[in-house]
Each structure stands twice: as C-alpha cells, then as structure tokens.
Amino acid sequence: ESLGLKCVAVRREAGLAAPGVPAVAFEDIDSVLPVADWLVLACPLTARTRGLIGAPRLALLPPGAQLINVARGEVVVQADLIDALQAGRLAGAHLDVFDPEPLPPDSPLWAMPQVLVTPQAAGHSDGNEARVADLFLDNLRRWGAGEPLLRLVD
C-alpha cells in the first residue's frame, strides 16, 4: 500500500511484482478489475496484450474508475473505450497512446472533458536515451558473443 492505494500488478505470471505488491497473470485480470479504481496500462504490445482491454473488461470496472494508458494504443479497443466514456461507465481516461497514431483530428476523445490527451510523452525521462543506448550496445555485444539478450519481449 502506498499513498493510501492498494496496488495489484497484472503481468505474464502471478506472484510478487515487488515487495508487498501481488501480481496476477494477464489471464486473471478479470478477478481484479471489479475493485480497480484506477487501471494503469504500462505493458508491451504482444499477442497476449493486443485488445486486452475492451468492452467486457471495461464493464467490470467499478463506477467512477479511470484508465491510464501509457502502454500502446492497441492494448485498448479504442471504440469500446469511447463508448464507455460516452455512456459514463468510465469516469475518465488519461491517454498517451492511441490506435491509430496519431489520434485523428475528428476523434471524439479530443472533445471529452473527462479525457486527458498527452503527446506520447510518458516514456521520456532524464537519462532515458542513455539507458536505451546502453541496453542496445550491451545486447549487440551479447548477440555477437552468442550470449542471451536482455529484456526480450515475447
């Protein structure tokens, strides 16, 4: 628990995501959605996560819930998200990514007062470019040496 919030992670495998933070597998996400006041998506786009959040899962969220997507646009079925926001089933959305990119000028998301649109800026932080370069160079060295690569996404 941090700042009065109980956190539950959803990831590839159940277990502990961090000390005191339980995790359920992607396939068990439905078990935690009914108590999620905030659904924060920060996962890679894979076959398991594409379309992970659509109408059935949005309907499982409690009234007043909000969604934050800093993952990839395709993790959320955007038409279902728009429907949930327009119907008032979802209190708000904070979106840094969209499907398609960029968000078309005629998207209803632009005009919704309960939606915050940001310009795909969530991944930027001090030192991020240096960390990415270091990881790339390390993996290039590993690849050349026939060693396992780091941080593979399947």
C-alpha atoms as a PDB file:
ATOM      1  CA  GLU A   1       0.000   0.000   0.000  1.00  0.00           C
ATOM      2  CA  SER A   2       1.357   3.397  -0.986  1.00  0.00           C
ATOM      3  CA  LEU A   3      -0.301   6.804  -0.641  1.00  0.00           C
ATOM      4  CA  GLY A   4      -3.394   5.006   0.613  1.00  0.00           C
ATOM      5  CA  LEU A   5      -3.637   2.924  -2.563  1.00  0.00           C
ATOM      6  CA  LYS A   6      -3.619  -0.851  -2.695  1.00  0.00           C
ATOM      7  CA  CYS A   7      -1.742  -1.922  -5.815  1.00  0.00           C
ATOM      8  CA  VAL A   8      -2.092  -5.176  -7.711  1.00  0.00           C
ATOM      9  CA  ALA A   9       0.049  -5.828 -10.757  1.00  0.00           C
ATOM     10  CA  VAL A  10      -1.083  -7.753 -13.815  1.00  0.00           C
ATOM     11  CA  ARG A  11       1.745  -9.361 -15.736  1.00  0.00           C
ATOM     12  CA  ARG A  12       2.895 -12.517 -17.528  1.00  0.00           C
ATOM     13  CA  GLU A  13       2.949 -14.596 -14.340  1.00  0.00           C
ATOM     14  CA  ALA A  14       1.294 -14.447 -10.931  1.00  0.00           C
ATOM     15  CA  GLY A  15       3.445 -13.874  -7.855  1.00  0.00           C
ATOM     16  CA  LEU A  16       5.032 -10.789  -6.349  1.00  0.00           C
ATOM     17  CA  ALA A  17       5.691  -7.873  -8.694  1.00  0.00           C
ATOM     18  CA  ALA A  18       7.586  -6.014  -5.957  1.00  0.00           C
ATOM     19  CA  PRO A  19       7.743  -6.292  -2.176  1.00  0.00           C
ATOM     20  CA  GLY A  20       4.157  -6.100  -0.947  1.00  0.00           C
ATOM     21  CA  VAL A  21       2.700  -5.871  -4.457  1.00  0.00           C
ATOM     22  CA  PRO A  22       0.893  -9.052  -5.518  1.00  0.00           C
ATOM     23  CA  ALA A  23       0.611  -9.890  -9.205  1.00  0.00           C
ATOM     24  CA  VAL A  24      -1.931 -11.856 -11.195  1.00  0.00           C
ATOM     25  CA  ALA A  25      -1.382 -13.198 -14.706  1.00  0.00           C
ATOM     26  CA  PHE A  26      -2.920 -11.446 -17.739  1.00  0.00           C
ATOM     27  CA  GLU A  27      -5.448 -14.264 -17.980  1.00  0.00           C
ATOM     28  CA  ASP A  28      -6.691 -13.475 -14.441  1.00  0.00           C
ATOM     29  CA  ILE A  29      -7.121  -9.732 -14.914  1.00  0.00           C
ATOM     30  CA  ASP A  30     -10.918 -10.081 -14.632  1.00  0.00           C
ATOM     31  CA  SER A  31     -10.517 -11.011 -10.958  1.00  0.00           C
ATOM     32  CA  VAL A  32      -9.042  -7.613 -10.036  1.00  0.00           C
ATOM     33  CA  LEU A  33     -10.933  -5.246 -12.330  1.00  0.00           C
ATOM     34  CA  PRO A  34     -14.077  -5.004 -10.148  1.00  0.00           C
ATOM     35  CA  VAL A  35     -12.025  -3.357  -7.377  1.00  0.00           C
ATOM     36  CA  ALA A  36      -9.766  -1.218  -9.586  1.00  0.00           C
ATOM     37  CA  ASP A  37     -10.453   2.481  -9.147  1.00  0.00           C
ATOM     38  CA  TRP A  38      -7.500   3.149 -11.463  1.00  0.00           C
ATOM     39  CA  LEU A  39      -6.419   0.865 -14.287  1.00  0.00           C
ATOM     40  CA  VAL A  40      -2.890   1.797 -15.342  1.00  0.00           C
ATOM     41  CA  LEU A  41      -1.646   0.130 -18.522  1.00  0.00           C
ATOM     42  CA  ALA A  42       2.136   0.065 -18.916  1.00  0.00           C
ATOM     43  CA  CYS A  43       2.705  -3.221 -20.724  1.00  0.00           C
ATOM     44  CA  PRO A  44       4.340  -4.083 -24.044  1.00  0.00           C
ATOM     45  CA  LEU A  45       2.208  -4.815 -27.081  1.00  0.00           C
ATOM     46  CA  THR A  46       2.246  -8.584 -27.615  1.00  0.00           C
ATOM     47  CA  ALA A  47      -0.201 -11.195 -28.815  1.00  0.00           C
ATOM     48  CA  ARG A  48      -1.373 -11.527 -25.170  1.00  0.00           C
ATOM     49  CA  THR A  49      -1.925  -7.797 -24.634  1.00  0.00           C
ATOM     50  CA  ARG A  50      -3.380  -6.712 -28.006  1.00  0.00           C
ATOM     51  CA  GLY A  51      -7.033  -5.830 -27.310  1.00  0.00           C
ATOM     52  CA  LEU A  52      -6.587  -6.770 -23.639  1.00  0.00           C
ATOM     53  CA  ILE A  53      -8.991  -4.034 -22.548  1.00  0.00           C
ATOM     54  CA  GLY A  54     -12.262  -3.977 -24.465  1.00  0.00           C
ATOM     55  CA  ALA A  55     -15.966  -3.628 -23.640  1.00  0.00           C
ATOM     56  CA  PRO A  56     -16.246  -6.768 -21.444  1.00  0.00           C
ATOM     57  CA  ARG A  57     -13.328  -5.739 -19.229  1.00  0.00           C
ATOM     58  CA  LEU A  58     -14.287  -2.058 -19.142  1.00  0.00           C
ATOM     59  CA  ALA A  59     -17.705  -3.187 -17.896  1.00  0.00           C
ATOM     60  CA  LEU A  60     -16.017  -4.993 -14.984  1.00  0.00           C
ATOM     61  CA  LEU A  61     -14.514  -1.762 -13.635  1.00  0.00           C
ATOM     62  CA  PRO A  62     -16.458  -0.126 -10.795  1.00  0.00           C
ATOM     63  CA  PRO A  63     -18.381   3.125 -11.346  1.00  0.00           C
ATOM     64  CA  GLY A  64     -16.027   6.073 -11.153  1.00  0.00           C
ATOM     65  CA  ALA A  65     -12.996   4.116 -12.346  1.00  0.00           C
ATOM     66  CA  GLN A  66     -10.406   5.767 -14.548  1.00  0.00           C
ATOM     67  CA  LEU A  67      -7.992   4.369 -17.112  1.00  0.00           C
ATOM     68  CA  ILE A  68      -4.411   5.468 -17.782  1.00  0.00           C
ATOM     69  CA  ASN A  69      -2.745   4.109 -20.921  1.00  0.00           C
ATOM     70  CA  VAL A  70       0.989   4.677 -21.312  1.00  0.00           C
ATOM     71  CA  ALA A  71       1.497   1.266 -22.966  1.00  0.00           C
ATOM     72  CA  ARG A  72       0.487   1.017 -26.618  1.00  0.00           C
ATOM     73  CA  GLY A  73      -2.749   2.144 -28.217  1.00  0.00           C
ATOM     74  CA  GLU A  74      -3.614  -1.346 -29.420  1.00  0.00           C
ATOM     75  CA  VAL A  75      -3.776  -2.691 -25.839  1.00  0.00           C
ATOM     76  CA  VAL A  76      -7.169  -0.942 -25.574  1.00  0.00           C
ATOM     77  CA  VAL A  77     -10.046  -1.352 -28.028  1.00  0.00           C
ATOM     78  CA  GLN A  78     -10.414   2.376 -28.622  1.00  0.00           C
ATOM     79  CA  ALA A  79     -14.010   2.255 -29.901  1.00  0.00           C
ATOM     80  CA  ASP A  80     -15.042   0.390 -26.721  1.00  0.00           C
ATOM     81  CA  LEU A  81     -13.212   2.952 -24.591  1.00  0.00           C
ATOM     82  CA  ILE A  82     -15.029   5.799 -26.336  1.00  0.00           C
ATOM     83  CA  ASP A  83     -18.374   4.039 -25.798  1.00  0.00           C
ATOM     84  CA  ALA A  84     -17.653   3.525 -22.078  1.00  0.00           C
ATOM     85  CA  LEU A  85     -16.672   7.170 -21.655  1.00  0.00           C
ATOM     86  CA  GLN A  86     -19.695   8.471 -23.579  1.00  0.00           C
ATOM     87  CA  ALA A  87     -22.043   6.243 -21.552  1.00  0.00           C
ATOM     88  CA  GLY A  88     -20.494   7.415 -18.272  1.00  0.00           C
ATOM     89  CA  ARG A  89     -19.428   3.882 -17.303  1.00  0.00           C
ATOM     90  CA  LEU A  90     -15.861   5.146 -17.047  1.00  0.00           C
ATOM     91  CA  ALA A  91     -15.197   8.416 -15.193  1.00  0.00           C
ATOM     92  CA  GLY A  92     -12.141   9.372 -17.169  1.00  0.00           C
ATOM     93  CA  ALA A  93      -9.162   8.386 -19.257  1.00  0.00           C
ATOM     94  CA  HIS A  94      -5.617   9.680 -19.386  1.00  0.00           C
ATOM     95  CA  LEU A  95      -4.173   8.653 -22.736  1.00  0.00           C
ATOM     96  CA  ASP A  96      -0.632   8.915 -24.018  1.00  0.00           C
ATOM     97  CA  VAL A  97      -1.048   6.379 -26.840  1.00  0.00           C
ATOM     98  CA  PHE A  98      -3.772   5.684 -29.387  1.00  0.00           C
ATOM     99  CA  ASP A  99      -4.927   3.367 -32.130  1.00  0.00           C
ATOM    100  CA  PRO A 100      -4.256   4.738 -34.688  1.00  0.00           C
ATOM    101  CA  GLU A 101      -1.296   7.011 -34.041  1.00  0.00           C
ATOM    102  CA  PRO A 102      -1.518   9.925 -34.225  1.00  0.00           C
ATOM    103  CA  LEU A 103      -5.018  10.401 -32.847  1.00  0.00           C
ATOM    104  CA  PRO A 104      -7.168  11.592 -35.781  1.00  0.00           C
ATOM    105  CA  PRO A 105      -8.412  15.193 -35.529  1.00  0.00           C
ATOM    106  CA  ASP A 106     -12.035  14.005 -35.713  1.00  0.00           C
ATOM    107  CA  SER A 107     -11.728  11.552 -32.791  1.00  0.00           C
ATOM    108  CA  PRO A 108     -14.376  12.184 -30.123  1.00  0.00           C
ATOM    109  CA  LEU A 109     -11.643  11.772 -27.488  1.00  0.00           C
ATOM    110  CA  TRP A 110     -10.425  15.322 -28.226  1.00  0.00           C
ATOM    111  CA  ALA A 111     -13.724  16.885 -27.111  1.00  0.00           C
ATOM    112  CA  MET A 112     -14.358  14.816 -23.978  1.00  0.00           C
ATOM    113  CA  PRO A 113     -13.757  16.855 -20.817  1.00  0.00           C
ATOM    114  CA  GLN A 114     -13.021  13.671 -18.813  1.00  0.00           C
ATOM    115  CA  VAL A 115     -10.156  12.707 -21.145  1.00  0.00           C
ATOM    116  CA  LEU A 116      -6.593  13.950 -20.862  1.00  0.00           C
ATOM    117  CA  VAL A 117      -4.608  13.530 -24.089  1.00  0.00           C
ATOM    118  CA  THR A 118      -0.811  13.752 -23.973  1.00  0.00           C
ATOM    119  CA  PRO A 119       1.651  13.592 -26.900  1.00  0.00           C
ATOM    120  CA  GLN A 120       3.209  10.168 -26.260  1.00  0.00           C
ATOM    121  CA  ALA A 121       5.461  11.677 -23.627  1.00  0.00           C
ATOM    122  CA  ALA A 122       5.184   9.092 -20.826  1.00  0.00           C
ATOM    123  CA  GLY A 123       8.304   7.205 -21.849  1.00  0.00           C
ATOM    124  CA  HIS A 124      10.598  10.203 -21.650  1.00  0.00           C
ATOM    125  CA  SER A 125      12.661  10.837 -18.538  1.00  0.00           C
ATOM    126  CA  ASP A 126      16.074  12.181 -17.619  1.00  0.00           C
ATOM    127  CA  GLY A 127      18.695   9.710 -18.722  1.00  0.00           C
ATOM    128  CA  ASN A 128      16.284   7.539 -20.720  1.00  0.00           C
ATOM    129  CA  GLU A 129      18.150   7.907 -24.015  1.00  0.00           C
ATOM    130  CA  ALA A 130      21.434   6.913 -22.359  1.00  0.00           C
ATOM    131  CA  ARG A 131      19.812   3.828 -20.742  1.00  0.00           C
ATOM    132  CA  VAL A 132      18.341   2.753 -24.098  1.00  0.00           C
ATOM    133  CA  ALA A 133      21.706   3.231 -25.829  1.00  0.00           C
ATOM    134  CA  ASP A 134      23.498   1.253 -23.101  1.00  0.00           C
ATOM    135  CA  LEU A 135      20.983  -1.602 -23.356  1.00  0.00           C
ATOM    136  CA  PHE A 136      21.275  -1.673 -27.159  1.00  0.00           C
ATOM    137  CA  LEU A 137      25.080  -1.747 -27.058  1.00  0.00           C
ATOM    138  CA  ASP A 138      25.088  -4.434 -24.365  1.00  0.00           C
ATOM    139  CA  ASN A 139      22.670  -6.574 -26.396  1.00  0.00           C
ATOM    140  CA  LEU A 140      24.703  -6.004 -29.554  1.00  0.00           C
ATOM    141  CA  ARG A 141      27.807  -7.260 -27.721  1.00  0.00           C
ATOM    142  CA  ARG A 142      25.808 -10.225 -26.330  1.00  0.00           C
ATOM    143  CA  TRP A 143      24.434 -11.075 -29.785  1.00  0.00           C
ATOM    144  CA  GLY A 144      27.942 -11.016 -31.276  1.00  0.00           C
ATOM    145  CA  ALA A 145      29.209 -13.266 -28.467  1.00  0.00           C
ATOM    146  CA  GLY A 146      26.288 -15.693 -28.781  1.00  0.00           C
ATOM    147  CA  GLU A 147      25.013 -14.804 -25.285  1.00  0.00           C
ATOM    148  CA  PRO A 148      21.348 -14.441 -24.276  1.00  0.00           C
ATOM    149  CA  LEU A 149      19.870 -10.990 -24.909  1.00  0.00           C
ATOM    150  CA  LEU A 150      18.431  -8.860 -22.115  1.00  0.00           C
ATOM    151  CA  ARG A 151      14.825  -7.643 -21.765  1.00  0.00           C
ATOM    152  CA  LEU A 152      13.285  -9.686 -24.556  1.00  0.00           C
ATOM    153  CA  VAL A 153       9.530  -9.275 -25.024  1.00  0.00           C
ATOM    154  CA  ASP A 154       7.545 -12.229 -26.329  1.00  0.00           C
END
